[in-house]
Structures are given as structure tokens and as C-alpha cells.
Amino acid sequence: MSENGQFRGTLRATIEDVEPDRTICRGARLARDARFDGKFFIGVRTTGIFCRPVCPAPSPKEENVQYYATAAACVEAGLRPCLRCRPESSPGTPAWLGTSTTVSRALRLIGEGALEEHGVDALAARLGIGSRHLRRLFLEHLGATPVAVAETRRLLSAKKLIDETTLPLTRIAIASGYGSIRRFNAAFRASYGRSPRELRRERGAAPKAGSCTLLLRFRPPYDYGALLEFFRRRAIPGVECVVRDTYRRTFLMAGRPGWLEIRPDGANTLTLQVEYAGSSELLHIAARARRMFDLDADPLPVHDVLRADPLLRKLVAARPGVRVPGAWDGFELGVRAILGQQVSVAGASTLSGRLVEKFGRPAPFSVEGLTHTFPAADELASADLAIGIPAARAEAIRAFAGAVAAGELAFHGAVDTTELMQRLCAIRGIGPWTAQYIAMRALSDPDAFPAGDLALLRAAGEKTAAAMERRAESWRPWRAYAAMHIWQGGNDDRLHMDGKPHGKAAAGGG
């Protein structure tokens, strides 16, 4: 047997070793339970295809089924994606669920396109480990190599764009990371038995230029109204706004301006509309939107942990769909958090609007509520921030912007939360509250926790951040969700304040 054959044989054995619990998976697929959609996939030996737990096709016999943790593991096992339930449309598997921290960070980097231009060696170097160790971790936790995960993501993302958009196939190939139309066509014939053009023809849509609309699915329950209200209260004037049930914002990608909007669209789905001239960044935009709206969260394990605490039990029962609001951009969030120190949410929004009006770039389009893009870090690093804030706060923003511009602070998937918070707290004017708040929203860290927050202390009956840390130990690894439940479940207007730390942290709070 060749070396490649030996490797694939070992890989197949490893894939079988990471099969999810059959009892749980069987119950979920027979019930077509949407809460498990994307958490595992169903391989059907008799047909050679793999499906989602919610597939509408008649359920196969249990003896003909094998369960897989990821779509990439299914593809590595020689299975083809189902054309009926469309595995590419399932909610994303939470990177932090059932995987190591290193794999979680690697998955986010792959989602950001880390393997499109550089190989596994470069990815491993960014994570501070060897490439062989990274492959072992992926096989152990996901049943597939990093390259296989990236290739499957590329294939399924392209299929999603074919089905849900009217983009020309050339733009779809570029957006999905295929280097050529030839590779694009070959990948689809190998996986689906037909070309991209044939698949689109079966769908019955004619491609045309224009905006791109994607469906973003999630696992219920999901409190969209609470999340939208959170964003509405903190919207940066000119950059983002909430109009009725729709969130809208501007952005810069690869130096090009664009705008997007997100709104509800039927059961367990949001619609993302993007107006942007580029193609290669389209999937990165969608990934950012998913993180911002916390669409990959799985409520079940969160509820199981938090409901065990009497303080949280009623809050979780009252609002089981609470999610942690993410951030479009870590730098933008950090500036907004510093501006929010010791002022109300409305006051911080006013200040951020002044900053954008003075330093942001005018938007080259006419959209209600959107006038500017947020200024870049290098534009604020030496700016005269005479917008009605104390000199110390202006200096904190300049120092923060300078660190981001110099590459000393970053918010991509390779960043370790603890390391980021240490670097943030080293900046004069940024304290533990602000650092934890940024980690919670910019890194989507489910365990980030501003223990010194007055609302949290009051709700738990604790007097110090250290006591709050001890009190919240049983909430790990979902302390960010516990904080959101307490903030959204309280009646005190202080819950709507950004940056109200306790005691000495107040000097550098968020």
C-alpha cells in the first residue's frame, strides 16, 4: 500500500473513533430536532450521501447510518452532500464545543481564509505549534485534517452561494477560494456529480449582477429582539443603525467600502444582504455577521450549566434564547468601549458619532442611517480627539489605536484571550472591565466575564470582583452568557450602561 493509502486508511479509522454519541444522534435525527442542526451529520451507507439531522427525506434504518462530527469528516469518508437538505446550509458548528482551544482558534482562522494563501505550516506557526501536532489535534477532535476542513468549507460555501444568490459563477469561484474555474468545476463534479452550472440550472435561477443575499441559520431558541435592542442602544451614528427589525451598517474590507443589513427571515433563519464590489471577501463578511449575531451558539449545553444555579435558573427559563452580542470589528468595539467609560449608553453613542463625523470616511452610497465608515486605527493613533472627552480618555484611545496599527493588538482567531487582556490592561486607561468586555464581544469568548461589573455584583450579592469570580466558577465555560442573562434580566437602568466597574477598576473600566 502507498504512503498516501496508508494515511487515508488511518484517517478513516480516526474518523470512526470520533463518531458522536449514537443514542443522542439517533433521537435527534428521528425527531428532526433543529437544535442539533450542524452539531453532527448523518452518513448513509446505502446511498453514499451525508445529511443534516433535519433532512426531510425518509429516515434510513439505523444499521445503515454512521454519525460524523463534521462535514469534512463525511467528505473524507467518501460521502457526497445531500442535495435535498443541503448540509452547506446548516448552522455552523461552534468552534468551542468539544474541541481544544487550539483547534477552536485554528477553525476561526480557517474561516477567515488562513489556508487560502498559505499552507498548514504557516497556520500552525500562527498558533505557536508544529504542523504535525495541529493535524493530530484536528483528527482527534474533528475527524479530518486542516486541509480537508478548509476544502469542505470551500465546497459547501460555494454550493450555498449557488443556491442562495444570483452571483455569476466566476464571482462565486473567487469568493469561495478556488484559484480557477477549472478547479471549481472539478470539485463540484467530484462531489455532486454535476457542474456548478448544472446545479444552478436545476435551481431555476438566472445569474445577474447586484447585491448578494445569504440565509444565516441558527439553532433555536434565539432571542433576536433582545440582541437587536442591544445593538440599537449602542449603534454608532452614521456607521450603524437599527430600523424596525433590521440591523444595518457600513464597513471597509480590503480598502473598499460596503454596507450590509440583517433581518429575520422565517423559522431559525436571518437574511444577510451585502452591497459590496469585491468577491473574495464575501464569505469573510458572512462569517463576521454570524459571529456578531452569535449564530453558532448551541443553547443546550449553556442552559444545562446555568440552570443549575438558583440565581440564573429563573432568568434562563424566562429568556432561553439570550445570546452574547458580538462585534463587527475589534478595534471599533474597543474605541466604543473606551468612549463609554463612566457615561451612559446614549452619551457614548453621541461621542462615537462625533468621532465618526470628524474622522470617518464619507460613505459613497445613499442608505438611510448610514453616512460614514469607521476610522481606521492609524487614523486615530495621532488624532486630535477634541470631541468632548477627558484628555486621559483621548490618550487611551490614541494608545489603543497605536497598538492596533502597529500589530501589537489583533482580534483574529489566533489570539489567546488571556494574552489579549494582558496587553489591553497594559494600556493606561484600560482596565479589567473593558478588557473582559472586548474579549466577550470581539473574540466571542463564551467564558469572558467582567467580574467587577456593579450590576453583576449586585445581582449575586457580592462585594468584590474576587468574590464574584469565585461565585461564577460553576458557570464556566459559559460565564459570558451568565452575564448577559443578568444584564438583560434586571430592571435597573445601570444594566444599560457600558463600563461601570467596581472599585479601583473604575479608572480603566469599559
Protein backbone atom coordinates (compact mmCIF):
# COMPACT_ATOMS: atom_id res chain seq x y z
CA MET A 1 0.00 0.00 0.00
CA SER A 2 1.25 3.52 -0.84
CA GLU A 3 2.07 6.03 1.86
CA ASN A 4 -0.97 8.08 0.82
CA GLY A 5 -3.17 4.99 1.01
CA GLN A 6 -1.86 4.20 4.49
CA PHE A 7 -2.56 7.76 5.58
CA ARG A 8 -6.14 7.70 4.28
CA GLY A 9 -6.70 4.35 5.95
CA THR A 10 -5.51 5.77 9.25
CA LEU A 11 -7.67 8.85 8.68
CA ARG A 12 -10.80 6.74 8.08
CA ALA A 13 -10.14 4.85 11.31
CA THR A 14 -9.68 8.11 13.17
CA ILE A 15 -12.94 9.48 11.77
CA GLU A 16 -14.80 6.46 13.12
CA ASP A 17 -13.17 6.98 16.51
CA VAL A 18 -14.70 10.46 16.85
CA GLU A 19 -18.26 9.41 15.98
CA PRO A 20 -20.74 11.32 18.21
CA ASP A 21 -22.93 9.52 20.73
CA ARG A 22 -25.27 7.27 18.72
CA THR A 23 -28.15 7.36 21.18
CA ILE A 24 -28.33 11.15 21.22
CA CYS A 25 -27.86 11.41 17.45
CA ARG A 26 -30.49 8.79 16.70
CA GLY A 27 -33.10 10.59 18.80
CA ALA A 28 -32.24 13.93 17.23
CA ARG A 29 -32.44 12.71 13.63
CA LEU A 30 -35.68 10.78 14.13
CA ALA A 31 -37.24 13.90 15.73
CA ARG A 32 -35.60 16.17 13.14
CA ASP A 33 -34.67 18.40 16.07
CA ALA A 34 -33.40 21.76 14.77
CA ARG A 35 -31.45 22.34 18.00
CA PHE A 36 -28.97 19.68 16.81
CA ASP A 37 -28.68 21.01 13.26
CA GLY A 38 -24.99 21.40 12.43
CA LYS A 39 -23.82 19.61 15.58
CA PHE A 40 -23.42 16.34 13.71
CA PHE A 41 -24.01 14.87 10.27
CA ILE A 42 -25.57 11.60 9.15
CA GLY A 43 -23.74 9.35 6.72
CA VAL A 44 -25.97 6.85 4.91
CA ARG A 45 -24.01 3.83 3.72
CA THR A 46 -26.65 2.60 1.26
CA THR A 47 -26.80 5.86 -0.69
CA GLY A 48 -23.29 7.23 -0.12
CA ILE A 49 -24.58 10.65 0.92
CA PHE A 50 -24.50 12.64 4.14
CA CYS A 51 -27.34 14.71 5.57
CA ARG A 52 -28.33 17.11 8.33
CA PRO A 53 -30.41 15.93 11.30
CA VAL A 54 -33.34 17.94 9.87
CA CYS A 55 -33.27 16.30 6.43
CA PRO A 56 -36.88 15.89 5.15
CA ALA A 57 -36.10 12.63 3.33
CA PRO A 58 -37.44 9.36 4.83
CA SER A 59 -35.27 8.31 7.77
CA PRO A 60 -32.86 5.49 6.93
CA LYS A 61 -32.52 2.39 9.07
CA GLU A 62 -30.18 2.79 12.00
CA GLU A 63 -27.92 -0.04 10.85
CA ASN A 64 -27.25 1.86 7.61
CA VAL A 65 -26.22 5.05 9.39
CA GLN A 66 -22.97 6.38 10.76
CA TYR A 67 -22.69 9.72 12.58
CA TYR A 68 -19.92 12.25 11.99
CA ALA A 69 -18.86 15.30 13.97
CA THR A 70 -18.16 17.46 10.90
CA ALA A 71 -18.99 17.73 7.23
CA ALA A 72 -15.29 17.43 6.47
CA ALA A 73 -15.21 14.02 8.16
CA CYS A 74 -18.10 12.94 5.94
CA VAL A 75 -16.28 14.04 2.79
CA GLU A 76 -13.09 12.29 3.93
CA ALA A 77 -15.15 9.13 4.37
CA GLY A 78 -16.15 9.31 0.69
CA LEU A 79 -19.70 10.59 1.18
CA ARG A 80 -21.46 13.17 -1.02
CA PRO A 81 -23.50 16.12 0.30
CA CYS A 82 -27.28 15.66 0.15
CA LEU A 83 -28.95 17.86 -2.46
CA ARG A 84 -32.22 17.84 -0.56
CA CYS A 85 -31.30 19.01 2.95
CA ARG A 86 -28.19 20.91 1.76
CA PRO A 87 -25.55 20.40 4.50
CA GLU A 88 -23.95 23.69 3.45
CA SER A 89 -26.98 25.48 4.93
CA SER A 90 -26.75 24.02 8.43
CA PRO A 91 -25.79 26.32 11.33
CA GLY A 92 -22.07 26.46 11.95
CA THR A 93 -20.65 24.03 14.46
CA PRO A 94 -19.46 26.00 17.49
CA ALA A 95 -15.69 26.11 17.36
CA TRP A 96 -15.52 25.97 21.15
CA LEU A 97 -17.78 22.96 21.57
CA GLY A 98 -15.96 19.67 22.06
CA THR A 99 -12.64 20.92 20.72
CA SER A 100 -9.39 22.12 22.19
CA THR A 101 -8.64 25.84 22.40
CA THR A 102 -6.01 25.44 19.69
CA VAL A 103 -8.48 23.79 17.31
CA SER A 104 -11.06 26.47 18.08
CA ARG A 105 -8.60 29.20 17.17
CA ALA A 106 -7.49 27.31 14.06
CA LEU A 107 -11.09 26.89 12.90
CA ARG A 108 -11.68 30.60 13.18
CA LEU A 109 -8.51 31.33 11.21
CA ILE A 110 -9.55 28.86 8.51
CA GLY A 111 -12.92 30.59 8.41
CA GLU A 112 -11.04 33.86 7.88
CA GLY A 113 -9.20 32.32 4.92
CA ALA A 114 -5.87 31.44 6.56
CA LEU A 115 -5.27 28.49 4.22
CA GLU A 116 -6.24 30.28 1.02
CA GLU A 117 -2.82 31.87 0.52
CA HIS A 118 -0.62 29.96 2.99
CA GLY A 119 -0.36 26.32 3.97
CA VAL A 120 -0.78 24.31 7.16
CA ASP A 121 2.77 25.10 8.26
CA ALA A 122 2.01 28.84 8.30
CA LEU A 123 -1.29 28.24 10.12
CA ALA A 124 0.45 26.15 12.78
CA ALA A 125 3.15 28.80 13.19
CA ARG A 126 0.49 31.45 13.88
CA LEU A 127 -0.87 29.16 16.60
CA GLY A 128 2.57 28.54 18.07
CA ILE A 129 2.66 24.76 17.45
CA GLY A 130 4.06 22.36 14.89
CA SER A 131 2.09 21.37 11.79
CA ARG A 132 2.13 17.65 12.68
CA HIS A 133 0.68 18.39 16.10
CA LEU A 134 -2.03 20.58 14.53
CA ARG A 135 -3.01 17.73 12.18
CA ARG A 136 -3.19 15.33 15.13
CA LEU A 137 -5.45 17.72 17.04
CA PHE A 138 -7.79 18.09 14.07
CA LEU A 139 -8.01 14.34 13.58
CA GLU A 140 -8.65 13.84 17.29
CA HIS A 141 -11.38 16.46 17.62
CA LEU A 142 -12.90 16.78 14.15
CA GLY A 143 -12.05 13.60 12.31
CA ALA A 144 -10.42 15.48 9.43
CA THR A 145 -7.20 17.34 8.66
CA PRO A 146 -6.99 21.15 8.46
CA VAL A 147 -6.74 20.96 4.67
CA ALA A 148 -9.80 18.71 4.48
CA VAL A 149 -11.77 21.09 6.71
CA ALA A 150 -10.78 24.05 4.51
CA GLU A 151 -11.60 22.19 1.28
CA THR A 152 -15.01 21.09 2.57
CA ARG A 153 -15.75 24.59 3.79
CA ARG A 154 -14.81 25.93 0.34
CA LEU A 155 -17.05 23.42 -1.44
CA LEU A 156 -20.08 23.87 0.81
CA SER A 157 -19.72 27.65 0.82
CA ALA A 158 -19.70 27.70 -2.97
CA LYS A 159 -22.80 25.48 -3.08
CA LYS A 160 -24.55 27.86 -0.69
CA LEU A 161 -23.73 30.83 -2.93
CA ILE A 162 -25.01 28.95 -5.99
CA ASP A 163 -28.31 28.15 -4.29
CA GLU A 164 -28.93 31.38 -2.39
CA THR A 165 -27.52 34.12 -4.63
CA THR A 166 -27.63 35.23 -8.23
CA LEU A 167 -23.90 35.97 -8.33
CA PRO A 168 -22.13 34.92 -11.54
CA LEU A 169 -20.31 31.61 -11.14
CA THR A 170 -16.94 33.29 -11.70
CA ARG A 171 -17.51 35.54 -8.66
CA ILE A 172 -18.65 32.53 -6.64
CA ALA A 173 -15.47 30.64 -7.50
CA ILE A 174 -13.36 33.61 -6.37
CA ALA A 175 -15.41 34.19 -3.22
CA SER A 176 -15.10 30.52 -2.23
CA GLY A 177 -11.33 30.46 -2.61
CA TYR A 178 -10.96 28.45 -5.81
CA GLY A 179 -7.94 29.57 -7.78
CA SER A 180 -9.51 28.82 -11.13
CA ILE A 181 -12.82 27.94 -12.78
CA ARG A 182 -11.31 24.59 -13.76
CA ARG A 183 -10.70 23.64 -10.10
CA PHE A 184 -14.15 24.97 -9.22
CA ASN A 185 -15.85 22.76 -11.83
CA ALA A 186 -13.74 19.71 -10.99
CA ALA A 187 -14.54 19.93 -7.28
CA PHE A 188 -18.27 20.06 -7.96
CA ARG A 189 -18.23 17.17 -10.43
CA ALA A 190 -16.29 15.06 -7.92
CA SER A 191 -18.67 15.83 -5.04
CA TYR A 192 -22.06 16.35 -6.69
CA GLY A 193 -21.69 14.51 -10.00
CA ARG A 194 -22.54 17.66 -11.96
CA SER A 195 -21.10 21.06 -12.72
CA PRO A 196 -21.93 24.30 -10.89
CA ARG A 197 -23.82 25.49 -13.96
CA GLU A 198 -25.95 22.35 -13.99
CA LEU A 199 -26.73 22.76 -10.28
CA ARG A 200 -27.80 26.35 -10.81
CA ARG A 201 -29.91 25.37 -13.80
CA GLU A 202 -31.70 22.79 -11.63
CA ARG A 203 -32.43 25.54 -9.12
CA GLY A 204 -34.04 27.56 -11.90
CA ALA A 205 -32.37 30.93 -11.28
CA ALA A 206 -30.56 33.04 -13.85
CA PRO A 207 -27.41 34.73 -12.59
CA LYS A 208 -27.27 38.52 -12.61
CA ALA A 209 -25.20 41.26 -11.05
CA GLY A 210 -26.28 43.12 -7.92
CA SER A 211 -26.47 42.68 -4.19
CA CYS A 212 -25.83 39.36 -2.53
CA THR A 213 -28.37 37.84 -0.14
CA LEU A 214 -27.48 34.89 2.10
CA LEU A 215 -29.52 32.92 4.62
CA LEU A 216 -27.91 32.60 8.05
CA ARG A 217 -29.34 29.72 10.06
CA PHE A 218 -29.15 29.14 13.80
CA ARG A 219 -30.28 26.72 16.48
CA PRO A 220 -33.36 27.73 18.49
CA PRO A 221 -34.21 29.23 20.86
CA TYR A 222 -32.91 32.61 19.73
CA ASP A 223 -33.94 35.97 21.22
CA TYR A 224 -33.44 38.16 18.15
CA GLY A 225 -35.41 41.03 19.67
CA ALA A 226 -33.14 41.31 22.72
CA LEU A 227 -30.00 41.20 20.59
CA LEU A 228 -31.36 43.83 18.21
CA GLU A 229 -32.27 46.09 21.12
CA PHE A 230 -28.73 45.73 22.49
CA PHE A 231 -27.32 46.83 19.13
CA ARG A 232 -29.88 49.63 18.76
CA ARG A 233 -28.91 51.23 22.07
CA ARG A 234 -25.21 51.08 21.22
CA ALA A 235 -25.33 51.91 17.50
CA ILE A 236 -22.59 54.28 16.31
CA PRO A 237 -24.40 57.10 14.47
CA GLY A 238 -23.61 57.14 10.77
CA VAL A 239 -21.90 53.72 10.88
CA GLU A 240 -24.75 51.52 12.08
CA CYS A 241 -28.44 51.77 12.83
CA VAL A 242 -31.50 49.68 13.60
CA VAL A 243 -34.61 50.36 11.55
CA ARG A 244 -37.64 48.41 12.81
CA ASP A 245 -36.49 44.74 12.76
CA THR A 246 -33.38 45.33 10.64
CA TYR A 247 -29.76 45.97 11.63
CA ARG A 248 -27.71 47.95 9.10
CA ARG A 249 -24.07 49.07 8.99
CA THR A 250 -21.19 50.25 6.80
CA PHE A 251 -17.81 48.53 6.61
CA LEU A 252 -14.41 48.61 4.92
CA MET A 253 -12.90 45.40 3.52
CA ALA A 254 -9.61 45.41 1.61
CA GLY A 255 -9.90 49.21 1.47
CA ARG A 256 -13.28 49.08 -0.27
CA PRO A 257 -16.47 50.42 1.36
CA GLY A 258 -19.70 48.47 1.54
CA TRP A 259 -22.81 48.07 3.62
CA LEU A 260 -24.97 45.24 4.87
CA GLU A 261 -28.22 44.63 6.61
CA ILE A 262 -29.54 41.72 8.66
CA ARG A 263 -33.19 40.94 9.29
CA PRO A 264 -35.29 37.91 10.33
CA ASP A 265 -36.41 35.54 7.60
CA GLY A 266 -38.73 32.74 8.68
CA ALA A 267 -38.02 29.96 11.14
CA ASN A 268 -34.50 29.78 12.58
CA THR A 269 -33.08 31.99 9.84
CA LEU A 270 -31.76 35.53 9.38
CA THR A 271 -31.20 37.16 6.00
CA LEU A 272 -27.91 38.90 5.27
CA GLN A 273 -27.89 41.37 2.37
CA VAL A 274 -24.49 42.66 1.30
CA GLU A 275 -23.71 45.52 -1.06
CA TYR A 276 -20.01 45.30 -1.83
CA ALA A 277 -17.92 45.36 -5.01
CA GLY A 278 -15.41 42.69 -4.00
CA SER A 279 -15.81 38.93 -4.36
CA SER A 280 -13.04 37.25 -2.38
CA GLU A 281 -14.16 38.80 0.94
CA LEU A 282 -17.83 37.81 0.69
CA LEU A 283 -17.58 34.71 2.88
CA HIS A 284 -15.48 36.60 5.43
CA ILE A 285 -18.26 39.18 5.64
CA ALA A 286 -20.81 36.41 6.24
CA ALA A 287 -18.59 34.84 8.92
CA ARG A 288 -18.29 38.18 10.72
CA ALA A 289 -22.07 38.61 10.62
CA ARG A 290 -22.54 35.15 12.13
CA ARG A 291 -20.17 35.94 14.99
CA MET A 292 -21.74 39.34 15.55
CA PHE A 293 -25.19 37.78 15.99
CA ASP A 294 -23.82 34.71 17.83
CA LEU A 295 -25.47 32.35 15.36
CA ASP A 296 -23.20 29.36 16.02
CA ALA A 297 -24.08 29.09 19.70
CA ASP A 298 -25.72 25.91 20.96
CA PRO A 299 -28.23 26.79 23.73
CA LEU A 300 -28.46 23.26 25.17
CA PRO A 301 -25.10 22.95 26.99
CA VAL A 302 -25.32 26.60 28.07
CA HIS A 303 -28.71 26.02 29.67
CA ASP A 304 -27.61 22.78 31.32
CA VAL A 305 -24.82 24.56 33.19
CA LEU A 306 -26.54 27.84 34.06
CA ARG A 307 -29.85 26.33 35.20
CA ALA A 308 -28.03 24.52 37.99
CA ASP A 309 -27.54 27.86 39.78
CA PRO A 310 -30.58 29.29 41.66
CA LEU A 311 -29.52 32.82 40.72
CA LEU A 312 -29.76 32.05 37.00
CA ARG A 313 -32.49 29.40 36.87
CA LYS A 314 -35.43 31.80 36.53
CA LEU A 315 -33.53 34.08 34.17
CA VAL A 316 -32.72 31.21 31.81
CA ALA A 317 -36.30 29.93 31.93
CA ALA A 318 -37.67 33.40 31.17
CA ARG A 319 -35.31 34.12 28.26
CA PRO A 320 -33.79 30.87 26.96
CA GLY A 321 -32.75 32.47 23.68
CA VAL A 322 -30.29 35.01 25.13
CA ARG A 323 -27.09 35.29 23.08
CA VAL A 324 -23.84 37.21 23.54
CA PRO A 325 -23.66 40.15 21.11
CA GLY A 326 -20.51 40.01 19.05
CA ALA A 327 -18.72 42.86 17.30
CA TRP A 328 -18.12 43.60 13.65
CA ASP A 329 -14.59 44.84 14.34
CA GLY A 330 -12.47 44.56 17.47
CA PHE A 331 -10.86 47.97 17.04
CA GLU A 332 -14.20 49.69 16.56
CA LEU A 333 -15.58 47.96 19.65
CA GLY A 334 -12.53 48.91 21.73
CA VAL A 335 -12.85 52.59 20.85
CA ARG A 336 -16.57 52.49 21.57
CA ALA A 337 -15.90 50.80 24.95
CA ILE A 338 -13.34 53.43 25.97
CA LEU A 339 -15.72 56.23 24.96
CA GLY A 340 -18.35 54.53 27.14
CA GLN A 341 -16.33 54.71 30.34
CA GLN A 342 -18.33 56.38 33.09
CA VAL A 343 -21.06 57.67 30.76
CA SER A 344 -24.46 56.36 29.75
CA VAL A 345 -25.03 54.29 26.62
CA ALA A 346 -26.72 57.28 24.98
CA GLY A 347 -23.80 59.51 25.92
CA ALA A 348 -21.27 57.07 24.49
CA SER A 349 -23.25 56.87 21.23
CA THR A 350 -23.21 60.67 20.97
CA LEU A 351 -19.43 60.73 21.47
CA SER A 352 -18.84 57.95 18.95
CA GLY A 353 -21.00 59.84 16.43
CA ARG A 354 -18.82 62.93 16.87
CA LEU A 355 -15.69 60.84 16.35
CA VAL A 356 -17.05 59.27 13.16
CA GLU A 357 -18.23 62.59 11.75
CA LYS A 358 -14.79 64.13 12.31
CA PHE A 359 -12.50 61.22 11.34
CA GLY A 360 -14.61 58.69 9.41
CA ARG A 361 -14.78 58.41 5.63
CA PRO A 362 -17.99 59.60 3.95
CA ALA A 363 -19.91 56.65 2.52
CA PRO A 364 -20.10 56.59 -1.31
CA PHE A 365 -23.73 55.40 -1.23
CA SER A 366 -27.07 56.71 -0.07
CA VAL A 367 -28.64 54.45 2.55
CA GLU A 368 -30.93 55.52 5.38
CA GLY A 369 -28.94 55.96 8.60
CA LEU A 370 -25.52 55.26 7.03
CA THR A 371 -23.18 58.15 6.24
CA HIS A 372 -19.61 57.10 7.14
CA THR A 373 -17.29 54.17 7.66
CA PHE A 374 -15.48 53.92 10.99
CA PRO A 375 -11.96 55.41 11.03
CA ALA A 376 -9.00 53.04 10.86
CA ALA A 377 -6.54 52.58 13.71
CA ASP A 378 -3.71 54.50 12.02
CA GLU A 379 -6.09 57.43 11.52
CA LEU A 380 -6.78 57.74 15.26
CA ALA A 381 -3.31 56.91 16.60
CA SER A 382 -2.21 60.56 16.44
CA ALA A 383 -5.57 62.31 16.06
CA ASP A 384 -6.63 65.40 18.00
CA LEU A 385 -9.65 63.87 19.70
CA ALA A 386 -11.33 67.13 20.71
CA ILE A 387 -14.83 65.66 20.80
CA GLY A 388 -15.78 66.46 24.38
CA ILE A 389 -13.92 63.72 26.24
CA PRO A 390 -11.33 64.00 29.06
CA ALA A 391 -7.69 64.22 27.97
CA ALA A 392 -6.89 60.90 29.68
CA ARG A 393 -9.59 59.12 27.70
CA ALA A 394 -8.39 60.66 24.44
CA GLU A 395 -4.88 59.45 25.22
CA ALA A 396 -6.20 55.94 25.97
CA ILE A 397 -7.87 55.85 22.54
CA ARG A 398 -4.68 57.03 20.81
CA ALA A 399 -2.59 54.44 22.65
CA PHE A 400 -5.09 51.70 21.83
CA ALA A 401 -5.21 52.77 18.18
CA GLY A 402 -1.40 52.90 18.01
CA ALA A 403 -1.10 49.36 19.39
CA VAL A 404 -3.60 48.05 16.83
CA ALA A 405 -1.94 49.93 13.96
CA ALA A 406 1.46 48.55 14.95
CA GLY A 407 0.15 44.98 15.09
CA GLU A 408 0.68 44.71 18.84
CA LEU A 409 -3.04 44.09 19.30
CA ALA A 410 -5.12 41.91 17.00
CA PHE A 411 -8.56 40.34 17.15
CA HIS A 412 -8.29 37.41 14.73
CA GLY A 413 -8.64 33.73 15.51
CA ALA A 414 -5.03 33.14 16.56
CA VAL A 415 -5.30 35.47 19.53
CA ASP A 416 -5.31 33.96 23.00
CA THR A 417 -7.90 35.64 25.24
CA THR A 418 -5.65 35.86 28.30
CA GLU A 419 -2.79 37.31 26.29
CA LEU A 420 -5.08 39.89 24.66
CA MET A 421 -6.47 41.03 28.01
CA GLN A 422 -2.98 41.40 29.46
CA ARG A 423 -1.95 43.59 26.53
CA LEU A 424 -5.12 45.64 26.82
CA CYS A 425 -4.66 46.23 30.54
CA ALA A 426 -1.09 47.37 29.90
CA ILE A 427 -2.56 50.43 28.15
CA ARG A 428 -3.16 53.26 30.57
CA GLY A 429 -6.89 53.92 30.77
CA ILE A 430 -7.99 50.35 30.00
CA GLY A 431 -8.82 48.16 32.96
CA PRO A 432 -10.13 44.64 33.57
CA TRP A 433 -13.78 45.52 32.86
CA THR A 434 -13.02 46.92 29.41
CA ALA A 435 -10.62 44.07 28.62
CA GLN A 436 -13.16 41.40 29.55
CA TYR A 437 -15.90 43.24 27.64
CA ILE A 438 -13.73 43.35 24.50
CA ALA A 439 -12.83 39.66 24.86
CA MET A 440 -16.51 38.79 25.28
CA ARG A 441 -17.65 40.62 22.17
CA ALA A 442 -14.64 40.92 19.83
CA LEU A 443 -13.22 37.42 20.38
CA SER A 444 -16.60 35.76 21.03
CA ASP A 445 -15.09 34.18 24.13
CA PRO A 446 -18.03 32.39 25.85
CA ASP A 447 -16.22 32.46 29.20
CA ALA A 448 -15.15 36.12 29.28
CA PHE A 449 -16.55 37.71 32.40
CA PRO A 450 -16.32 41.32 33.73
CA ALA A 451 -16.45 40.26 37.36
CA GLY A 452 -16.15 43.81 38.65
CA ASP A 453 -19.36 44.96 36.99
CA LEU A 454 -21.68 46.58 39.55
CA ALA A 455 -24.83 45.01 38.12
CA LEU A 456 -23.33 41.53 38.38
CA LEU A 457 -22.11 42.17 41.91
CA ARG A 458 -25.49 43.48 42.97
CA ALA A 459 -27.37 40.54 41.43
CA ALA A 460 -25.09 37.98 43.07
CA GLY A 461 -24.92 39.78 46.41
CA GLU A 462 -21.13 40.02 46.26
CA LYS A 463 -18.95 42.97 47.22
CA THR A 464 -15.70 42.42 45.32
CA ALA A 465 -14.60 41.22 41.89
CA ALA A 466 -12.61 38.41 43.52
CA ALA A 467 -15.72 37.19 45.35
CA MET A 468 -17.69 37.41 42.10
CA GLU A 469 -15.04 35.32 40.34
CA ARG A 470 -15.41 32.60 42.98
CA ARG A 471 -19.21 32.82 42.79
CA ALA A 472 -19.17 32.38 38.99
CA GLU A 473 -16.77 29.42 38.92
CA SER A 474 -19.65 26.98 38.46
CA TRP A 475 -20.85 28.91 35.40
CA ARG A 476 -17.76 28.02 33.36
CA PRO A 477 -17.30 27.86 30.42
CA TRP A 478 -20.42 29.99 29.79
CA ARG A 479 -19.82 32.98 32.07
CA ALA A 480 -20.38 35.45 29.21
CA TYR A 481 -23.89 34.02 28.78
CA ALA A 482 -24.48 34.26 32.52
CA ALA A 483 -23.51 37.94 32.41
CA MET A 484 -25.91 38.58 29.54
CA HIS A 485 -28.75 36.84 31.39
CA ILE A 486 -28.17 39.01 34.46
CA TRP A 487 -27.80 42.23 32.45
CA GLN A 488 -30.89 41.59 30.35
CA GLY A 489 -32.90 40.15 33.19
CA GLY A 490 -32.51 43.15 35.53
CA ASN A 491 -34.75 46.19 35.82
CA ASP A 492 -32.05 48.62 36.93
CA ASP A 493 -31.15 51.22 34.30
CA ARG A 494 -27.49 50.61 35.19
CA LEU A 495 -27.77 47.40 33.22
CA HIS A 496 -27.90 49.61 30.15
CA MET A 497 -24.62 51.32 30.96
CA ASP A 498 -21.34 50.48 29.27
CA GLY A 499 -18.39 50.37 31.61
CA LYS A 500 -19.49 50.52 35.23
CA PRO A 501 -16.76 48.56 37.01
CA HIS A 502 -16.36 48.30 40.74
CA GLY A 503 -13.76 49.99 42.90
CA LYS A 504 -10.25 50.57 41.55
CA ALA A 505 -11.21 49.14 38.16
CA ALA A 506 -13.25 52.28 37.54
CA ALA A 507 -10.16 54.15 36.36
CA GLY A 508 -9.84 51.83 33.43
CA GLY A 509 -13.30 50.42 33.03
CA GLY A 510 -15.14 49.96 29.72
